[in-house]
Amino acid sequence: MVTKTELDSPTPRVTLSSCLDVSQWQPVIADTRKPVKLPTNRLTKYQVLTTLEKWPQGWRVVRDEPQGKKC
């Protein structure tokens, strides 16, 4: 969802809010490839704010910030 726009600035910019779902991800220890035990109360779906700017080559992501908030 678009949460902010600055289309009239010298470098047009938009901010998006999205939900990242990591519930199916299985982290592993790099050396052993064994699964990591995760806390049961960890966030598995959380909000991410992404800022994009329009450059001559097209839109570019300039910031991608997890918010630590449930979505």
N, C-alpha and C. Protein backbone atom coordinates (compact mmCIF):
# COMPACT_ATOMS: atom_id res chain seq x y z
N MET A 1 0.84 -1.14 0.00
CA MET A 1 0.00 0.00 0.00
C MET A 1 0.90 1.24 0.00
N VAL A 2 0.58 2.22 -0.84
CA VAL A 2 1.32 3.48 -0.88
C VAL A 2 0.93 4.30 0.33
N THR A 3 1.93 4.72 1.13
CA THR A 3 1.63 5.49 2.33
C THR A 3 2.04 6.95 2.22
N LYS A 4 2.91 7.28 1.24
CA LYS A 4 3.36 8.66 1.09
C LYS A 4 3.88 8.85 -0.33
N THR A 5 3.62 10.02 -0.90
CA THR A 5 4.16 10.33 -2.22
C THR A 5 4.78 11.72 -2.20
N GLU A 6 5.86 11.88 -2.94
CA GLU A 6 6.52 13.17 -3.15
C GLU A 6 6.86 13.24 -4.64
N LEU A 7 5.86 13.30 -5.47
CA LEU A 7 6.06 13.22 -6.91
C LEU A 7 6.51 14.53 -7.53
N ASP A 8 6.33 15.66 -6.84
CA ASP A 8 6.73 16.96 -7.38
C ASP A 8 8.14 17.38 -6.97
N SER A 9 8.83 16.56 -6.20
CA SER A 9 10.19 16.91 -5.78
C SER A 9 11.17 16.65 -6.93
N PRO A 10 12.39 17.21 -6.88
CA PRO A 10 13.37 17.00 -7.95
C PRO A 10 13.64 15.51 -8.22
N THR A 11 13.64 14.71 -7.17
CA THR A 11 13.73 13.25 -7.32
C THR A 11 12.43 12.69 -6.75
N PRO A 12 11.47 12.33 -7.61
CA PRO A 12 10.20 11.81 -7.11
C PRO A 12 10.43 10.60 -6.19
N ARG A 13 9.59 10.53 -5.15
CA ARG A 13 9.77 9.49 -4.12
C ARG A 13 8.40 9.01 -3.67
N VAL A 14 8.32 7.70 -3.41
CA VAL A 14 7.11 7.12 -2.80
C VAL A 14 7.53 6.19 -1.66
N THR A 15 6.65 6.06 -0.69
CA THR A 15 6.87 5.14 0.42
C THR A 15 5.75 4.11 0.41
N LEU A 16 6.13 2.85 0.52
CA LEU A 16 5.19 1.74 0.52
C LEU A 16 5.22 1.03 1.86
N SER A 17 4.08 0.51 2.25
CA SER A 17 4.00 -0.34 3.44
C SER A 17 3.58 -1.72 2.96
N SER A 18 4.30 -2.74 3.41
CA SER A 18 3.97 -4.11 3.01
C SER A 18 4.11 -5.04 4.20
N CYS A 19 3.67 -6.26 4.02
CA CYS A 19 3.75 -7.26 5.08
C CYS A 19 4.66 -8.40 4.59
N LEU A 20 5.72 -8.65 5.34
CA LEU A 20 6.64 -9.74 5.00
C LEU A 20 6.30 -10.96 5.85
N ASP A 21 6.05 -12.08 5.20
CA ASP A 21 5.69 -13.32 5.88
C ASP A 21 6.89 -14.27 5.83
N VAL A 22 7.51 -14.50 7.00
CA VAL A 22 8.66 -15.40 7.08
C VAL A 22 8.30 -16.70 7.81
N SER A 23 7.01 -16.96 7.92
CA SER A 23 6.56 -18.12 8.70
C SER A 23 7.04 -19.46 8.13
N GLN A 24 7.32 -19.52 6.84
CA GLN A 24 7.77 -20.77 6.23
C GLN A 24 9.29 -20.85 6.07
N TRP A 25 9.99 -19.80 6.50
CA TRP A 25 11.45 -19.79 6.40
C TRP A 25 12.04 -20.67 7.49
N GLN A 26 13.08 -21.43 7.17
CA GLN A 26 13.76 -22.26 8.16
C GLN A 26 15.23 -21.88 8.21
N PRO A 27 15.61 -21.00 9.15
CA PRO A 27 17.03 -20.64 9.27
C PRO A 27 17.86 -21.86 9.68
N VAL A 28 19.08 -21.91 9.16
CA VAL A 28 20.00 -23.00 9.49
C VAL A 28 21.35 -22.43 9.88
N ILE A 29 22.11 -23.19 10.62
CA ILE A 29 23.48 -22.82 10.97
C ILE A 29 24.33 -23.02 9.73
N ALA A 30 25.08 -22.01 9.35
CA ALA A 30 25.81 -22.04 8.08
C ALA A 30 26.78 -23.22 7.98
N ASP A 31 27.53 -23.48 9.03
CA ASP A 31 28.54 -24.54 8.99
C ASP A 31 27.94 -25.94 8.93
N THR A 32 26.88 -26.16 9.71
CA THR A 32 26.35 -27.52 9.86
C THR A 32 25.07 -27.77 9.07
N ARG A 33 24.43 -26.70 8.63
CA ARG A 33 23.15 -26.77 7.92
C ARG A 33 22.03 -27.34 8.79
N LYS A 34 22.22 -27.34 10.12
CA LYS A 34 21.19 -27.82 11.04
C LYS A 34 20.24 -26.67 11.34
N PRO A 35 18.94 -26.97 11.50
CA PRO A 35 17.96 -25.92 11.79
C PRO A 35 18.26 -25.19 13.10
N VAL A 36 17.96 -23.91 13.10
CA VAL A 36 18.13 -23.08 14.30
C VAL A 36 16.83 -23.14 15.08
N LYS A 37 16.93 -23.31 16.41
CA LYS A 37 15.73 -23.28 17.24
C LYS A 37 15.34 -21.83 17.42
N LEU A 38 14.07 -21.52 17.13
CA LEU A 38 13.58 -20.16 17.20
C LEU A 38 12.57 -20.01 18.33
N PRO A 39 12.51 -18.82 18.92
CA PRO A 39 11.53 -18.60 19.99
C PRO A 39 10.10 -18.75 19.45
N THR A 40 9.22 -19.27 20.25
CA THR A 40 7.83 -19.46 19.81
C THR A 40 7.09 -18.14 19.68
N ASN A 41 7.56 -17.10 20.35
CA ASN A 41 6.86 -15.81 20.31
C ASN A 41 7.44 -14.84 19.28
N ARG A 42 8.26 -15.33 18.37
CA ARG A 42 8.86 -14.45 17.36
C ARG A 42 7.82 -13.97 16.35
N LEU A 43 8.07 -12.80 15.78
CA LEU A 43 7.19 -12.29 14.72
C LEU A 43 7.45 -13.08 13.44
N THR A 44 6.40 -13.56 12.83
CA THR A 44 6.54 -14.28 11.57
C THR A 44 5.95 -13.49 10.40
N LYS A 45 5.16 -12.46 10.72
CA LYS A 45 4.61 -11.55 9.71
C LYS A 45 4.78 -10.14 10.26
N TYR A 46 5.56 -9.33 9.57
CA TYR A 46 5.79 -7.99 10.09
C TYR A 46 5.79 -6.95 8.99
N GLN A 47 5.54 -5.71 9.43
CA GLN A 47 5.43 -4.59 8.50
C GLN A 47 6.82 -4.13 8.05
N VAL A 48 6.90 -3.79 6.76
CA VAL A 48 8.13 -3.25 6.17
C VAL A 48 7.78 -1.96 5.44
N LEU A 49 8.55 -0.89 5.70
CA LEU A 49 8.39 0.36 4.95
C LEU A 49 9.51 0.45 3.92
N THR A 50 9.13 0.67 2.68
CA THR A 50 10.08 0.73 1.58
C THR A 50 9.98 2.09 0.90
N THR A 51 11.13 2.74 0.69
CA THR A 51 11.17 4.02 -0.01
C THR A 51 11.80 3.81 -1.37
N LEU A 52 11.11 4.32 -2.40
CA LEU A 52 11.61 4.23 -3.78
C LEU A 52 11.77 5.64 -4.33
N GLU A 53 12.80 5.82 -5.17
CA GLU A 53 13.02 7.07 -5.87
C GLU A 53 13.06 6.81 -7.37
N LYS A 54 12.57 7.79 -8.13
CA LYS A 54 12.56 7.64 -9.58
C LYS A 54 13.80 8.32 -10.16
N TRP A 55 14.63 7.52 -10.79
CA TRP A 55 15.85 7.97 -11.44
C TRP A 55 15.68 7.81 -12.94
N PRO A 56 16.59 8.35 -13.75
CA PRO A 56 16.45 8.22 -15.21
C PRO A 56 16.32 6.77 -15.67
N GLN A 57 16.94 5.83 -14.96
CA GLN A 57 16.89 4.41 -15.35
C GLN A 57 15.62 3.72 -14.84
N GLY A 58 14.82 4.40 -14.01
CA GLY A 58 13.59 3.82 -13.47
C GLY A 58 13.54 3.95 -11.96
N TRP A 59 12.53 3.34 -11.35
CA TRP A 59 12.36 3.38 -9.91
C TRP A 59 13.40 2.49 -9.22
N ARG A 60 14.00 3.02 -8.14
CA ARG A 60 15.02 2.29 -7.38
C ARG A 60 14.64 2.28 -5.90
N VAL A 61 14.83 1.13 -5.24
CA VAL A 61 14.63 1.04 -3.79
C VAL A 61 15.83 1.70 -3.11
N VAL A 62 15.57 2.69 -2.26
CA VAL A 62 16.67 3.36 -1.56
C VAL A 62 16.65 3.06 -0.07
N ARG A 63 15.54 2.52 0.43
CA ARG A 63 15.47 2.17 1.85
C ARG A 63 14.41 1.09 2.01
N ASP A 64 14.72 0.10 2.81
CA ASP A 64 13.81 -1.01 3.10
C ASP A 64 13.94 -1.29 4.59
N GLU A 65 12.94 -0.88 5.38
CA GLU A 65 13.07 -0.93 6.83
C GLU A 65 12.01 -1.78 7.51
N PRO A 66 12.41 -2.94 8.08
CA PRO A 66 11.47 -3.71 8.89
C PRO A 66 11.06 -2.87 10.10
N GLN A 67 9.77 -2.91 10.45
CA GLN A 67 9.26 -2.07 11.52
C GLN A 67 9.14 -2.76 12.87
N GLY A 68 9.29 -4.07 12.91
CA GLY A 68 9.15 -4.77 14.18
C GLY A 68 7.72 -4.76 14.69
N LYS A 69 6.76 -4.51 13.78
CA LYS A 69 5.34 -4.50 14.12
C LYS A 69 4.64 -5.64 13.40
N LYS A 70 3.71 -6.25 14.08
CA LYS A 70 2.92 -7.34 13.50
C LYS A 70 1.99 -6.81 12.42
N CYS A 71 1.77 -7.58 11.38
CA CYS A 71 0.79 -7.20 10.35
C CYS A 71 -0.10 -8.37 10.01
